N, C-alpha and C. Protein backbone atom coordinates (compact mmCIF):
# COMPACT_ATOMS: atom_id res chain seq x y z
N UNK A 1 -2.56 20.14 1.77
CA UNK A 1 -3.22 19.48 0.72
C UNK A 1 -4.00 19.52 0.01
N UNK A 2 -4.34 19.31 -1.35
CA UNK A 2 -5.05 19.86 -1.85
C UNK A 2 -6.17 18.96 -2.17
N UNK A 3 -7.73 19.16 -2.66
CA UNK A 3 -8.57 18.34 -2.30
C UNK A 3 -8.82 17.03 -2.96
N UNK A 4 -8.05 16.95 -4.49
CA UNK A 4 -7.53 16.30 -4.90
C UNK A 4 -6.79 14.78 -4.31
N UNK A 5 -5.90 15.73 -3.78
CA UNK A 5 -4.93 14.88 -2.65
C UNK A 5 -5.46 14.02 -1.70
N UNK A 6 -6.59 14.90 -1.09
CA UNK A 6 -7.39 14.26 0.16
C UNK A 6 -8.20 13.11 -0.20
N UNK A 7 -8.22 12.73 -1.66
CA UNK A 7 -9.20 11.79 -2.05
C UNK A 7 -8.65 10.27 -2.00
N UNK A 8 -7.60 10.37 -1.49
CA UNK A 8 -6.41 9.25 -1.24
C UNK A 8 -5.94 9.37 0.68
N UNK A 9 -6.22 9.66 1.67
CA UNK A 9 -6.03 10.00 2.39
C UNK A 9 -6.81 9.55 3.70
N UNK A 10 -7.91 9.43 3.62
CA UNK A 10 -9.10 9.33 4.08
C UNK A 10 -9.67 10.42 5.19
N UNK A 11 -9.22 11.64 4.77
CA UNK A 11 -9.43 12.83 4.94
C UNK A 11 -11.02 13.06 4.51
N UNK A 12 -11.46 14.26 5.15
CA UNK A 12 -12.78 14.54 4.37
C UNK A 12 -12.11 15.64 3.73
N UNK A 13 -13.01 15.77 2.44
CA UNK A 13 -12.85 16.58 1.31
C UNK A 13 -13.93 16.98 0.53
N UNK A 14 -14.01 17.99 -0.06
CA UNK A 14 -15.24 18.04 -1.10
C UNK A 14 -14.97 17.88 -2.59
N UNK A 15 -15.78 16.71 -2.92
CA UNK A 15 -15.86 16.46 -4.30
C UNK A 15 -16.00 17.39 -5.17
N UNK A 16 -16.74 18.20 -5.13
CA UNK A 16 -16.80 19.15 -6.21
C UNK A 16 -16.17 20.04 -6.48
N UNK A 17 -14.69 19.84 -6.07
CA UNK A 17 -13.60 20.68 -6.40
C UNK A 17 -13.28 20.95 -8.04
N UNK A 18 -13.09 21.79 -8.49
CA UNK A 18 -12.59 22.35 -9.80
C UNK A 18 -12.10 21.19 -10.21
N UNK A 19 -10.38 21.06 -9.58
CA UNK A 19 -9.81 20.07 -10.20
C UNK A 19 -10.07 19.14 -10.61
N UNK A 20 -10.95 17.97 -9.20
CA UNK A 20 -11.63 17.16 -9.20
C UNK A 20 -12.36 16.82 -10.72
N UNK A 21 -13.45 17.72 -10.36
CA UNK A 21 -14.62 17.54 -11.49
C UNK A 21 -13.71 17.38 -13.25
N UNK A 22 -12.96 18.14 -13.04
CA UNK A 22 -12.49 18.28 -14.48
C UNK A 22 -11.44 16.99 -14.51
N UNK A 23 -11.07 16.32 -13.87
CA UNK A 23 -9.93 15.01 -13.91
C UNK A 23 -10.88 14.28 -14.13
N UNK A 24 -12.58 14.35 -13.48
CA UNK A 24 -13.23 13.04 -13.52
C UNK A 24 -13.86 13.24 -15.02
N UNK A 25 -14.72 14.12 -15.19
CA UNK A 25 -14.93 14.29 -16.34
C UNK A 25 -14.06 13.80 -17.76
N UNK A 26 -12.83 13.96 -17.83
CA UNK A 26 -11.73 13.22 -18.57
C UNK A 26 -12.12 11.80 -18.48
N UNK A 27 -11.83 11.44 -17.05
CA UNK A 27 -12.11 9.81 -17.15
C UNK A 27 -13.51 9.26 -17.55
N UNK A 28 -14.31 10.03 -17.11
CA UNK A 28 -15.77 9.34 -17.77
C UNK A 28 -15.94 9.52 -19.16
N UNK A 29 -15.42 10.25 -20.04
CA UNK A 29 -15.35 10.68 -21.43
C UNK A 29 -14.64 9.31 -21.59
N UNK A 30 -13.70 8.84 -21.40
CA UNK A 30 -13.19 7.72 -22.09
C UNK A 30 -14.36 6.47 -21.42
N UNK A 31 -14.58 6.23 -19.97
CA UNK A 31 -15.63 5.17 -19.86
C UNK A 31 -16.93 5.16 -20.86
N UNK A 32 -17.42 6.28 -21.39
CA UNK A 32 -18.28 6.31 -22.46
C UNK A 32 -18.06 5.70 -23.61
N UNK A 33 -16.78 6.36 -24.18
CA UNK A 33 -15.82 5.29 -25.39
C UNK A 33 -15.84 3.99 -24.83
N UNK A 34 -15.88 3.32 -23.96
CA UNK A 34 -15.76 1.78 -23.78
C UNK A 34 -17.16 1.07 -23.74
N UNK A 35 -18.06 1.56 -23.01
CA UNK A 35 -19.55 1.23 -23.18
C UNK A 35 -20.63 1.53 -24.15
N UNK A 36 -19.95 2.36 -25.41
CA UNK A 36 -19.69 2.67 -26.68
C UNK A 36 -19.26 1.59 -27.72
N UNK A 37 -18.57 0.54 -27.12
CA UNK A 37 -18.29 -0.23 -28.12
C UNK A 37 -18.97 -1.15 -28.47
N UNK A 38 -18.59 -2.04 -29.48
CA UNK A 38 -19.65 -3.31 -30.21
C UNK A 38 -19.01 -4.48 -29.51
N UNK A 39 -19.79 -5.35 -29.76
CA UNK A 39 -19.74 -6.71 -29.10
C UNK A 39 -18.14 -7.64 -29.70
N UNK A 40 -17.84 -6.86 -30.95
CA UNK A 40 -17.05 -7.66 -31.26
C UNK A 40 -15.53 -6.87 -31.40
N UNK A 41 -15.96 -5.67 -30.47
CA UNK A 41 -14.65 -4.32 -30.56
C UNK A 41 -13.75 -5.35 -29.59
N UNK A 42 -13.06 -6.26 -29.18
CA UNK A 42 -12.24 -6.51 -28.11
C UNK A 42 -11.16 -6.34 -28.03
N UNK A 43 -10.25 -6.20 -29.00
CA UNK A 43 -9.17 -5.49 -29.27
C UNK A 43 -9.54 -3.76 -28.83
N UNK A 44 -10.06 -3.25 -29.26
CA UNK A 44 -10.47 -1.87 -28.78
C UNK A 44 -11.00 -1.71 -27.44
N UNK A 45 -11.81 -2.64 -26.53
CA UNK A 45 -12.03 -2.62 -25.31
C UNK A 45 -10.69 -2.93 -24.50
N UNK A 46 -9.90 -3.77 -24.80
CA UNK A 46 -8.84 -4.05 -23.98
C UNK A 46 -7.87 -2.83 -24.32
N UNK A 47 -7.63 -2.29 -25.46
CA UNK A 47 -6.71 -0.81 -25.51
C UNK A 47 -7.36 0.08 -24.70
N UNK A 48 -8.64 0.39 -24.50
CA UNK A 48 -9.34 1.68 -23.67
C UNK A 48 -8.87 1.24 -22.41
N UNK A 49 -8.83 -0.13 -21.76
CA UNK A 49 -9.01 -0.86 -20.37
C UNK A 49 -7.37 -0.05 -20.11
N UNK A 50 -6.31 -0.49 -20.41
CA UNK A 50 -5.20 -0.12 -20.03
C UNK A 50 -4.69 1.60 -20.19
N UNK A 51 -5.97 2.09 -20.95
CA UNK A 51 -5.88 3.68 -20.98
C UNK A 51 -6.30 4.23 -19.62
N UNK A 52 -7.39 3.51 -19.21
CA UNK A 52 -8.50 4.13 -17.98
C UNK A 52 -8.17 3.93 -17.03
N UNK A 53 -7.29 2.69 -16.62
CA UNK A 53 -6.95 1.86 -15.14
C UNK A 53 -5.55 2.44 -14.93
N UNK A 54 -5.65 2.29 -13.61
CA UNK A 54 -4.13 2.36 -12.93
C UNK A 54 -3.38 1.79 -13.59
N UNK A 55 -3.93 0.00 -12.86
CA UNK A 55 -2.86 -1.09 -13.41
C UNK A 55 -4.07 -2.17 -13.98
N UNK A 56 -3.71 -2.54 -15.00
CA UNK A 56 -4.49 -3.67 -15.25
C UNK A 56 -3.49 -4.75 -16.33
N UNK A 57 -3.83 -5.98 -15.82
CA UNK A 57 -2.81 -6.70 -16.28
C UNK A 57 -3.64 -7.85 -17.44
N UNK A 58 -2.88 -8.70 -17.90
CA UNK A 58 -3.33 -9.32 -19.16
C UNK A 58 -4.40 -10.10 -19.14
N UNK A 59 -5.32 -9.99 -20.11
CA UNK A 59 -6.72 -11.41 -20.06
C UNK A 59 -7.57 -10.54 -19.10
N UNK A 60 -7.70 -9.40 -19.10
CA UNK A 60 -8.76 -9.16 -18.20
C UNK A 60 -10.07 -8.94 -19.13
N UNK A 61 -11.22 -8.97 -18.83
CA UNK A 61 -12.56 -8.51 -19.49
C UNK A 61 -13.33 -7.94 -18.69
N UNK A 62 -14.05 -6.87 -18.82
CA UNK A 62 -15.18 -6.26 -18.19
C UNK A 62 -16.34 -6.12 -19.22
N UNK A 63 -17.63 -6.66 -18.92
CA UNK A 63 -18.68 -6.85 -19.82
C UNK A 63 -19.37 -5.40 -19.53
N UNK A 64 -19.42 -4.56 -20.90
CA UNK A 64 -20.51 -3.33 -20.52
C UNK A 64 -21.61 -3.70 -20.52
N UNK A 65 -22.67 -2.99 -20.05
CA UNK A 65 -22.30 -1.93 -18.85
C UNK A 65 -21.29 -1.66 -17.89
N UNK A 66 -20.43 -0.67 -18.02
CA UNK A 66 -19.44 -0.68 -16.80
C UNK A 66 -19.49 0.56 -16.60
N UNK A 67 -19.63 0.77 -15.03
CA UNK A 67 -19.91 1.97 -14.34
C UNK A 67 -18.81 2.05 -13.47
N UNK A 68 -18.21 3.36 -13.21
CA UNK A 68 -17.50 3.93 -12.31
C UNK A 68 -16.87 5.12 -12.43
N UNK A 69 -16.89 6.04 -10.99
CA UNK A 69 -17.07 7.22 -10.87
C UNK A 69 -16.15 7.67 -11.55
N UNK A 70 -14.73 7.05 -11.45
CA UNK A 70 -13.59 7.67 -12.01
C UNK A 70 -12.99 6.72 -13.50
N UNK A 71 -13.95 5.83 -13.99
CA UNK A 71 -13.77 5.06 -15.28
C UNK A 71 -12.34 4.12 -14.79
N UNK A 72 -12.27 3.90 -13.68
CA UNK A 72 -11.00 2.79 -13.47
C UNK A 72 -9.83 3.68 -13.13
N UNK A 73 -10.12 4.62 -12.77
CA UNK A 73 -8.49 5.56 -12.98
C UNK A 73 -7.79 5.13 -11.45
N UNK A 74 -8.22 4.62 -10.68
CA UNK A 74 -8.18 4.33 -9.18
C UNK A 74 -7.62 3.04 -8.90
N UNK A 75 -8.36 2.43 -9.91
CA UNK A 75 -8.54 0.76 -10.05
C UNK A 75 -7.18 -0.11 -10.31
N UNK A 76 -6.61 -0.87 -9.57
CA UNK A 76 -5.56 -1.59 -9.99
C UNK A 76 -5.94 -3.35 -9.96
N UNK A 77 -6.01 -3.63 -11.27
CA UNK A 77 -6.56 -5.06 -11.59
C UNK A 77 -5.26 -5.85 -11.79
N UNK A 78 -5.32 -7.43 -11.63
CA UNK A 78 -4.23 -8.03 -11.68
C UNK A 78 -4.43 -8.72 -13.21
N UNK A 79 -4.33 -9.79 -13.58
CA UNK A 79 -4.72 -10.56 -14.69
C UNK A 79 -5.75 -11.55 -14.42
N UNK A 80 -6.39 -11.95 -15.70
CA UNK A 80 -7.35 -13.13 -15.79
C UNK A 80 -8.67 -12.51 -15.34
N UNK A 81 -9.02 -11.62 -15.15
CA UNK A 81 -10.13 -11.02 -14.15
C UNK A 81 -11.20 -10.92 -15.27
N UNK A 82 -12.39 -11.40 -14.72
CA UNK A 82 -13.50 -11.42 -15.52
C UNK A 82 -14.65 -10.79 -14.64
N UNK A 83 -15.55 -9.76 -15.30
CA UNK A 83 -16.58 -8.97 -14.66
C UNK A 83 -17.92 -9.05 -15.76
N UNK A 84 -18.86 -9.63 -15.53
CA UNK A 84 -20.14 -9.46 -16.21
C UNK A 84 -20.53 -8.00 -15.77
N UNK A 85 -21.76 -8.25 -16.47
CA UNK A 85 -22.87 -7.00 -16.42
C UNK A 85 -22.94 -6.20 -15.75
N UNK A 86 -22.74 -4.76 -15.48
CA UNK A 86 -23.04 -4.07 -14.55
C UNK A 86 -22.05 -3.78 -13.38
N UNK A 87 -20.98 -4.05 -13.55
CA UNK A 87 -20.10 -3.75 -12.75
C UNK A 87 -20.24 -2.52 -11.81
N UNK A 88 -20.02 -1.85 -11.15
CA UNK A 88 -20.03 -0.49 -10.73
C UNK A 88 -18.93 -0.45 -9.18
N UNK A 89 -17.99 0.32 -10.25
CA UNK A 89 -16.91 0.47 -8.88
C UNK A 89 -16.99 2.21 -8.77
N UNK A 90 -17.19 2.30 -7.50
CA UNK A 90 -17.12 3.61 -6.99
C UNK A 90 -15.75 4.24 -6.83
N UNK A 91 -14.83 4.33 -7.38
CA UNK A 91 -13.22 4.11 -7.55
C UNK A 91 -12.84 5.64 -7.16
N UNK A 92 -13.52 6.57 -6.00
CA UNK A 92 -13.28 7.65 -5.60
C UNK A 92 -11.32 7.45 -5.20
N UNK A 93 -11.38 6.32 -4.23
CA UNK A 93 -9.91 5.95 -4.09
C UNK A 93 -9.25 4.78 -4.81
N UNK A 94 -8.44 4.12 -4.41
CA UNK A 94 -8.05 2.80 -5.02
C UNK A 94 -8.86 1.89 -4.50
N UNK A 95 -9.04 0.47 -5.43
CA UNK A 95 -9.52 -0.71 -5.49
C UNK A 95 -8.23 -1.77 -6.15
N UNK A 96 -8.36 -2.90 -4.89
CA UNK A 96 -7.19 -3.41 -5.73
C UNK A 96 -7.95 -5.07 -5.59
N UNK A 97 -7.36 -5.52 -7.04
CA UNK A 97 -8.28 -6.96 -7.58
C UNK A 97 -7.05 -7.77 -7.72
N UNK A 98 -6.96 -9.08 -7.20
CA UNK A 98 -5.69 -10.01 -7.62
C UNK A 98 -6.15 -10.67 -8.72
N UNK A 99 -5.28 -11.42 -9.09
CA UNK A 99 -5.38 -12.49 -10.21
C UNK A 99 -6.42 -13.22 -10.35
N UNK A 100 -7.08 -13.87 -11.48
CA UNK A 100 -8.18 -14.61 -11.59
C UNK A 100 -9.29 -14.62 -10.97
N UNK A 101 -9.69 -13.20 -10.49
CA UNK A 101 -11.09 -13.07 -9.70
C UNK A 101 -11.97 -13.16 -10.54
N UNK A 102 -13.46 -13.28 -10.27
CA UNK A 102 -14.45 -13.01 -11.18
C UNK A 102 -15.84 -12.39 -10.42
N UNK A 103 -16.23 -11.60 -11.30
CA UNK A 103 -17.19 -10.97 -10.98
C UNK A 103 -18.26 -10.98 -11.34
N UNK A 104 -20.14 -11.59 -10.89
CA UNK A 104 -20.85 -12.03 -11.23
C UNK A 104 -21.72 -10.70 -11.57
N UNK A 105 -22.67 -10.86 -12.31
CA UNK A 105 -23.26 -9.23 -12.59
C UNK A 105 -24.00 -8.45 -11.62
N UNK A 106 -23.90 -7.26 -11.91
CA UNK A 106 -24.28 -6.19 -10.77
C UNK A 106 -23.50 -6.31 -9.47
N UNK A 107 -22.44 -6.21 -9.67
CA UNK A 107 -21.47 -6.41 -8.41
C UNK A 107 -21.01 -4.84 -8.04
N UNK A 108 -21.42 -3.91 -7.20
CA UNK A 108 -21.13 -3.26 -6.42
C UNK A 108 -19.66 -2.94 -5.58
N UNK A 109 -18.68 -2.27 -6.07
CA UNK A 109 -17.44 -1.85 -4.80
C UNK A 109 -16.94 -0.23 -4.75
N UNK A 110 -17.81 -0.04 -3.58
CA UNK A 110 -17.27 0.98 -3.09
C UNK A 110 -16.44 1.89 -1.85
N UNK A 111 -15.84 2.81 -2.84
CA UNK A 111 -14.87 3.21 -1.53
C UNK A 111 -15.39 4.66 -1.12
N UNK A 112 -16.22 5.23 -1.56
CA UNK A 112 -16.57 6.60 -1.13
C UNK A 112 -17.65 6.28 -0.24
N UNK A 113 -17.68 7.25 1.14
CA UNK A 113 -18.72 7.51 2.26
C UNK A 113 -18.99 9.21 2.56
N UNK A 114 -19.75 9.22 3.22
CA UNK A 114 -19.89 10.63 3.60
C UNK A 114 -20.08 10.64 5.42
N UNK A 115 -20.01 11.72 6.01
CA UNK A 115 -19.96 11.64 7.41
C UNK A 115 -21.40 11.15 7.89
N UNK A 116 -21.87 10.88 8.86
CA UNK A 116 -23.13 10.64 9.96
C UNK A 116 -23.42 11.91 10.11
N UNK A 117 -22.91 12.69 10.34
CA UNK A 117 -23.14 14.38 11.01
C UNK A 117 -24.08 14.87 9.84
N UNK A 118 -25.28 15.43 9.79
CA UNK A 118 -26.06 15.85 9.03
C UNK A 118 -25.72 17.26 8.70
N UNK A 119 -24.79 18.13 9.64
CA UNK A 119 -24.38 19.19 9.07
C UNK A 119 -23.14 19.21 7.85
N UNK A 120 -22.53 18.45 8.12
CA UNK A 120 -21.45 17.99 7.17
C UNK A 120 -21.84 17.81 5.84
N UNK A 121 -22.70 16.90 5.77
CA UNK A 121 -23.33 16.43 4.73
C UNK A 121 -23.96 17.50 3.94
N UNK A 122 -24.39 18.55 4.72
CA UNK A 122 -25.28 19.99 3.71
C UNK A 122 -24.03 20.28 2.18
N UNK A 123 -22.39 20.08 2.76
CA UNK A 123 -21.96 20.51 2.06
C UNK A 123 -21.11 19.61 1.10
N UNK A 124 -21.82 18.57 1.37
CA UNK A 124 -21.50 17.20 0.72
C UNK A 124 -19.77 16.68 0.81
N UNK A 125 -19.35 16.85 2.02
CA UNK A 125 -18.16 16.32 2.65
C UNK A 125 -18.13 14.88 2.21
N UNK A 126 -16.96 14.56 1.83
CA UNK A 126 -16.65 12.99 1.53
C UNK A 126 -15.63 12.54 2.43
N UNK A 127 -15.52 11.16 2.44
CA UNK A 127 -14.11 10.19 2.83
C UNK A 127 -14.08 9.33 1.93
N UNK A 128 -12.66 8.42 1.40
CA UNK A 128 -12.83 7.48 0.78
C UNK A 128 -12.00 6.88 1.80
N UNK A 129 -12.14 5.37 1.16
CA UNK A 129 -11.15 4.09 2.00
C UNK A 129 -10.82 3.23 1.07
N UNK A 130 -9.78 2.78 1.03
CA UNK A 130 -9.41 1.81 -0.35
C UNK A 130 -10.08 0.23 -0.06
N UNK A 131 -10.39 -0.31 -0.88
CA UNK A 131 -10.85 -1.96 -1.02
C UNK A 131 -9.83 -2.82 -1.70
N UNK A 132 -9.25 -3.90 -0.77
CA UNK A 132 -8.84 -4.69 -1.52
C UNK A 132 -9.59 -6.02 -1.37
N UNK A 133 -9.03 -6.67 -2.98
CA UNK A 133 -9.60 -8.02 -3.13
C UNK A 133 -8.74 -9.02 -3.31
N UNK A 134 -8.66 -10.20 -2.81
CA UNK A 134 -7.66 -11.24 -3.50
C UNK A 134 -7.83 -11.68 -4.31
N UNK A 135 -6.53 -12.82 -4.59
CA UNK A 135 -6.56 -13.57 -5.72
C UNK A 135 -7.76 -14.88 -5.89
N UNK A 136 -7.88 -14.83 -7.16
CA UNK A 136 -9.07 -16.36 -7.46
C UNK A 136 -10.00 -16.27 -6.53
N UNK A 137 -10.76 -15.13 -6.31
CA UNK A 137 -12.35 -14.93 -5.60
C UNK A 137 -13.09 -14.88 -6.28
N UNK A 138 -14.12 -15.45 -5.91
CA UNK A 138 -15.66 -15.36 -6.83
C UNK A 138 -16.54 -14.60 -5.97
N UNK A 139 -16.63 -13.51 -6.78
CA UNK A 139 -17.64 -12.33 -5.85
C UNK A 139 -19.30 -12.51 -6.87
N UNK A 140 -20.18 -13.05 -5.86
CA UNK A 140 -21.19 -13.73 -6.80
C UNK A 140 -22.26 -12.19 -7.41
N UNK A 141 -23.30 -12.76 -8.00
CA UNK A 141 -23.91 -11.43 -8.64
C UNK A 141 -24.65 -10.28 -7.46
N UNK A 142 -24.76 -9.30 -7.54
CA UNK A 142 -25.40 -8.63 -6.92
C UNK A 142 -24.79 -8.18 -5.12
N UNK A 143 -23.80 -8.36 -5.50
CA UNK A 143 -22.81 -8.25 -3.80
C UNK A 143 -22.73 -6.61 -4.02
N UNK A 144 -22.38 -6.17 -2.72
CA UNK A 144 -21.83 -4.89 -2.34
C UNK A 144 -21.18 -4.73 -1.18
N UNK A 145 -19.82 -4.33 -1.73
CA UNK A 145 -18.31 -4.39 -0.83
C UNK A 145 -18.05 -2.71 -0.30
N UNK A 146 -18.43 -2.64 0.66
CA UNK A 146 -18.14 -1.07 1.36
C UNK A 146 -16.92 -0.77 1.60
N UNK A 147 -16.70 0.46 1.59
CA UNK A 147 -15.27 1.16 1.71
C UNK A 147 -14.18 0.40 2.94
N UNK A 148 -13.12 0.29 3.04
CA UNK A 148 -12.01 -0.31 3.80
C UNK A 148 -12.22 -1.59 3.87
N UNK A 149 -13.07 -2.37 2.87
CA UNK A 149 -13.15 -4.17 3.29
C UNK A 149 -11.82 -4.57 2.68
N UNK A 150 -11.55 -5.66 3.42
CA UNK A 150 -10.37 -6.60 2.87
C UNK A 150 -10.74 -8.11 2.38
N UNK A 151 -10.44 -8.57 1.38
CA UNK A 151 -10.88 -10.08 0.98
C UNK A 151 -10.08 -10.70 0.69
N UNK A 152 -9.95 -11.67 1.64
CA UNK A 152 -8.41 -12.96 1.32
C UNK A 152 -8.72 -13.40 -0.42
N UNK A 153 -7.47 -14.30 -0.25
CA UNK A 153 -7.69 -15.18 -1.73
C UNK A 153 -8.41 -16.27 -1.61
N UNK A 154 -8.65 -16.50 -2.66
CA UNK A 154 -9.27 -17.88 -2.78
C UNK A 154 -11.01 -17.98 -2.09
N UNK A 155 -11.31 -16.70 -1.40
CA UNK A 155 -12.89 -16.61 -0.77
C UNK A 155 -13.78 -16.46 -2.15
N UNK A 156 -15.03 -17.12 -1.73
CA UNK A 156 -16.16 -17.13 -2.52
C UNK A 156 -17.29 -15.95 -1.68
N UNK A 157 -17.64 -15.10 -2.13
CA UNK A 157 -18.65 -14.22 -1.48
C UNK A 157 -20.13 -14.43 -2.23
N UNK A 158 -20.95 -15.20 -1.50
CA UNK A 158 -22.65 -15.42 -1.76
C UNK A 158 -23.41 -14.19 -2.71
N UNK A 159 -24.22 -14.54 -3.59
CA UNK A 159 -24.84 -13.32 -4.25
C UNK A 159 -25.38 -12.83 -2.82
N UNK A 160 -25.69 -11.61 -3.50
CA UNK A 160 -26.45 -10.45 -2.81
C UNK A 160 -25.99 -10.49 -1.28
N UNK A 161 -24.78 -10.42 -1.03
CA UNK A 161 -24.10 -10.56 0.34
C UNK A 161 -23.85 -8.68 -0.02
N UNK A 162 -24.10 -8.06 1.42
CA UNK A 162 -23.21 -6.68 1.74
C UNK A 162 -22.01 -7.11 2.73
N UNK A 163 -20.66 -6.85 1.94
CA UNK A 163 -19.71 -7.18 2.72
C UNK A 163 -19.12 -5.79 3.58
N UNK A 164 -19.36 -5.87 4.86
CA UNK A 164 -19.39 -4.48 5.66
C UNK A 164 -17.86 -4.56 6.52
N UNK A 165 -17.35 -5.77 6.54
CA UNK A 165 -16.05 -6.06 7.15
C UNK A 165 -15.25 -6.95 6.67
N UNK A 166 -13.99 -7.16 7.13
CA UNK A 166 -12.71 -7.91 6.24
C UNK A 166 -13.52 -9.56 6.59
N UNK A 167 -13.30 -10.16 5.56
CA UNK A 167 -13.08 -11.59 5.30
C UNK A 167 -11.82 -12.42 4.80
N UNK A 168 -11.73 -13.42 5.66
CA UNK A 168 -10.33 -14.21 5.26
C UNK A 168 -10.19 -14.78 4.24
N UNK A 169 -8.90 -15.71 3.54
CA UNK A 169 -9.05 -16.19 2.56
C UNK A 169 -9.64 -17.70 2.74
N UNK A 170 -9.80 -18.17 1.50
CA UNK A 170 -10.21 -19.87 1.55
C UNK A 170 -11.55 -19.90 2.30
N UNK A 171 -12.46 -19.23 2.35
CA UNK A 171 -13.75 -19.23 2.95
C UNK A 171 -15.01 -19.13 2.01
N UNK A 172 -16.39 -19.68 2.53
CA UNK A 172 -17.04 -19.06 1.59
C UNK A 172 -18.30 -18.36 2.90
N UNK A 173 -18.66 -17.09 2.30
CA UNK A 173 -19.31 -15.95 3.27
C UNK A 173 -20.45 -15.39 2.32
N UNK A 174 -21.12 -15.01 3.20
CA UNK A 174 -22.49 -14.42 2.33
C UNK A 174 -23.28 -13.92 3.70
N UNK A 175 -24.41 -13.31 3.22
CA UNK A 175 -25.68 -12.89 3.86
C UNK A 175 -25.19 -11.15 3.99
N UNK A 176 -26.33 -10.21 4.93
CA UNK A 176 -26.51 -9.31 4.93
C UNK A 176 -26.94 -8.83 6.35
N UNK A 177 -25.27 -8.36 7.35
CA UNK A 177 -24.13 -8.64 6.44
C UNK A 177 -23.59 -9.49 6.39
N UNK A 178 -22.55 -9.77 5.52
CA UNK A 178 -22.08 -10.81 5.18
C UNK A 178 -21.09 -11.33 6.11
N UNK A 179 -21.40 -12.63 6.39
CA UNK A 179 -20.42 -13.54 7.89
C UNK A 179 -19.90 -14.88 7.06
N UNK A 180 -18.84 -15.38 7.46
CA UNK A 180 -17.96 -16.55 7.18
C UNK A 180 -18.92 -17.73 7.66
N UNK A 181 -19.34 -18.66 6.53
CA UNK A 181 -20.56 -19.33 6.87
C UNK A 181 -19.71 -20.91 6.83
N UNK A 182 -18.47 -20.94 6.37
CA UNK A 182 -17.42 -22.00 6.62
C UNK A 182 -15.96 -22.08 5.59
N UNK A 183 -15.35 -22.75 6.20
CA UNK A 183 -13.97 -23.07 4.99
C UNK A 183 -14.22 -23.80 3.66
N UNK A 184 -13.95 -23.24 2.45
CA UNK A 184 -13.69 -24.27 1.70
C UNK A 184 -12.27 -25.67 1.99
N UNK A 185 -13.14 -26.81 1.64
CA UNK A 185 -12.51 -27.59 2.31
C UNK A 185 -12.52 -29.29 1.33
N UNK A 186 -12.38 -30.27 2.19
CA UNK A 186 -12.54 -31.34 1.02
C UNK A 186 -13.81 -31.87 0.58
N UNK A 187 -15.18 -31.30 1.18
CA UNK A 187 -16.42 -31.50 0.19
C UNK A 187 -16.13 -30.89 -1.13
N UNK A 188 -15.65 -29.80 -1.10
CA UNK A 188 -15.45 -29.05 -2.13
C UNK A 188 -14.30 -29.65 -3.35
N UNK A 189 -13.57 -30.32 -3.02
CA UNK A 189 -12.62 -30.67 -3.54
C UNK A 189 -13.45 -32.38 -4.50
N UNK A 190 -14.50 -32.91 -3.62
CA UNK A 190 -15.30 -33.89 -4.79
C UNK A 190 -16.38 -33.29 -5.41
N UNK A 191 -17.22 -32.49 -4.83
CA UNK A 191 -18.98 -32.07 -5.33
C UNK A 191 -18.41 -30.27 -5.87
N UNK A 192 -18.92 -30.01 -6.84
CA UNK A 192 -19.10 -28.32 -7.67
C UNK A 192 -20.16 -28.17 -7.20
N UNK A 193 -21.44 -28.78 -7.23
CA UNK A 193 -22.63 -28.28 -6.50
C UNK A 193 -23.39 -29.91 -5.97
N UNK A 194 -23.87 -29.05 -4.42
CA UNK A 194 -25.01 -30.21 -3.58
C UNK A 194 -24.38 -31.29 -4.01
N UNK A 195 -24.93 -32.68 -4.71
CA UNK A 195 -24.34 -33.86 -5.10
C UNK A 195 -23.76 -34.20 -6.53
N UNK A 196 -23.74 -32.90 -6.76
CA UNK A 196 -23.31 -32.87 -8.39
C UNK A 196 -21.35 -33.21 -7.81
N UNK A 197 -21.03 -34.43 -8.40
CA UNK A 197 -19.26 -34.71 -8.62
C UNK A 197 -18.25 -34.38 -9.72
N UNK A 198 -17.67 -33.68 -9.08
CA UNK A 198 -16.56 -33.56 -9.94
C UNK A 198 -15.86 -34.87 -10.67
N UNK A 199 -16.10 -34.47 -12.20
CA UNK A 199 -15.35 -35.96 -12.87
C UNK A 199 -13.94 -36.39 -12.00
N UNK A 200 -13.96 -37.29 -12.48
CA UNK A 200 -12.48 -38.04 -11.91
C UNK A 200 -11.37 -37.47 -12.97
N UNK A 201 -11.46 -37.34 -13.89
CA UNK A 201 -10.72 -36.91 -14.79
C UNK A 201 -10.21 -35.56 -14.15
N UNK A 202 -11.20 -34.66 -13.92
CA UNK A 202 -11.03 -33.23 -13.54
C UNK A 202 -10.19 -33.14 -11.95
N UNK A 203 -10.78 -34.12 -11.36
CA UNK A 203 -10.21 -34.18 -10.12
C UNK A 203 -8.66 -34.72 -9.91
N UNK A 204 -8.38 -35.47 -11.04
CA UNK A 204 -6.77 -35.95 -11.27
C UNK A 204 -6.23 -34.80 -11.46
N UNK A 205 -6.38 -34.22 -12.91
CA UNK A 205 -5.90 -33.39 -13.60
C UNK A 205 -5.60 -32.04 -12.95
N UNK A 206 -5.96 -31.52 -11.71
CA UNK A 206 -6.20 -30.71 -10.74
C UNK A 206 -5.80 -30.85 -9.67
N UNK A 207 -5.35 -32.40 -9.17
CA UNK A 207 -4.63 -32.52 -7.98
C UNK A 207 -5.80 -32.56 -6.89
N UNK A 208 -6.94 -33.15 -7.01
CA UNK A 208 -8.27 -32.99 -5.91
C UNK A 208 -8.45 -33.98 -5.64
N UNK A 209 -7.53 -35.41 -6.12
CA UNK A 209 -7.54 -36.53 -5.35
C UNK A 209 -6.78 -36.90 -4.02
């Protein structure tokens, strides 16, 4: 297989391959155009994302500046996804994000890694592992998600976490390394922050009573 094909197999490959770098340059030209848009250019941004991404659903918004090794070309986003300033996608292979997920400022999702053996790194060998993030997650500010990680639906990853292993659905997890702290449950159906209670009208509207 070619070096470009090995980007998606988990095999070691050389990212400086001519075919890869030519393809990457084309992707980065589009990313440059996206980051050069003005705040009112919402329609232009939406149109560019549809060209840049492997898949992207309706009503997705990524606040510039947006950084990505391949400009989103290996990213598969569902619908209603929001990313605040400084999202970094090291998308050397595939990143999958489910509907209604939110990213705080300066989140990094990395798929690329290098062997620990130093002689291999002299020639900049690399390998990539995909990342999967479920539906309706909140990845808070400053999180780093490492290659090969899977995060389940409805999970919250606390600010500044470094996610090195899979995190299940429906939990609050944080730390370095990130670990599950508790399940999302009855307390969260009544309180939205410490002792601040969700108004009764909202609890009734969303079936939280």
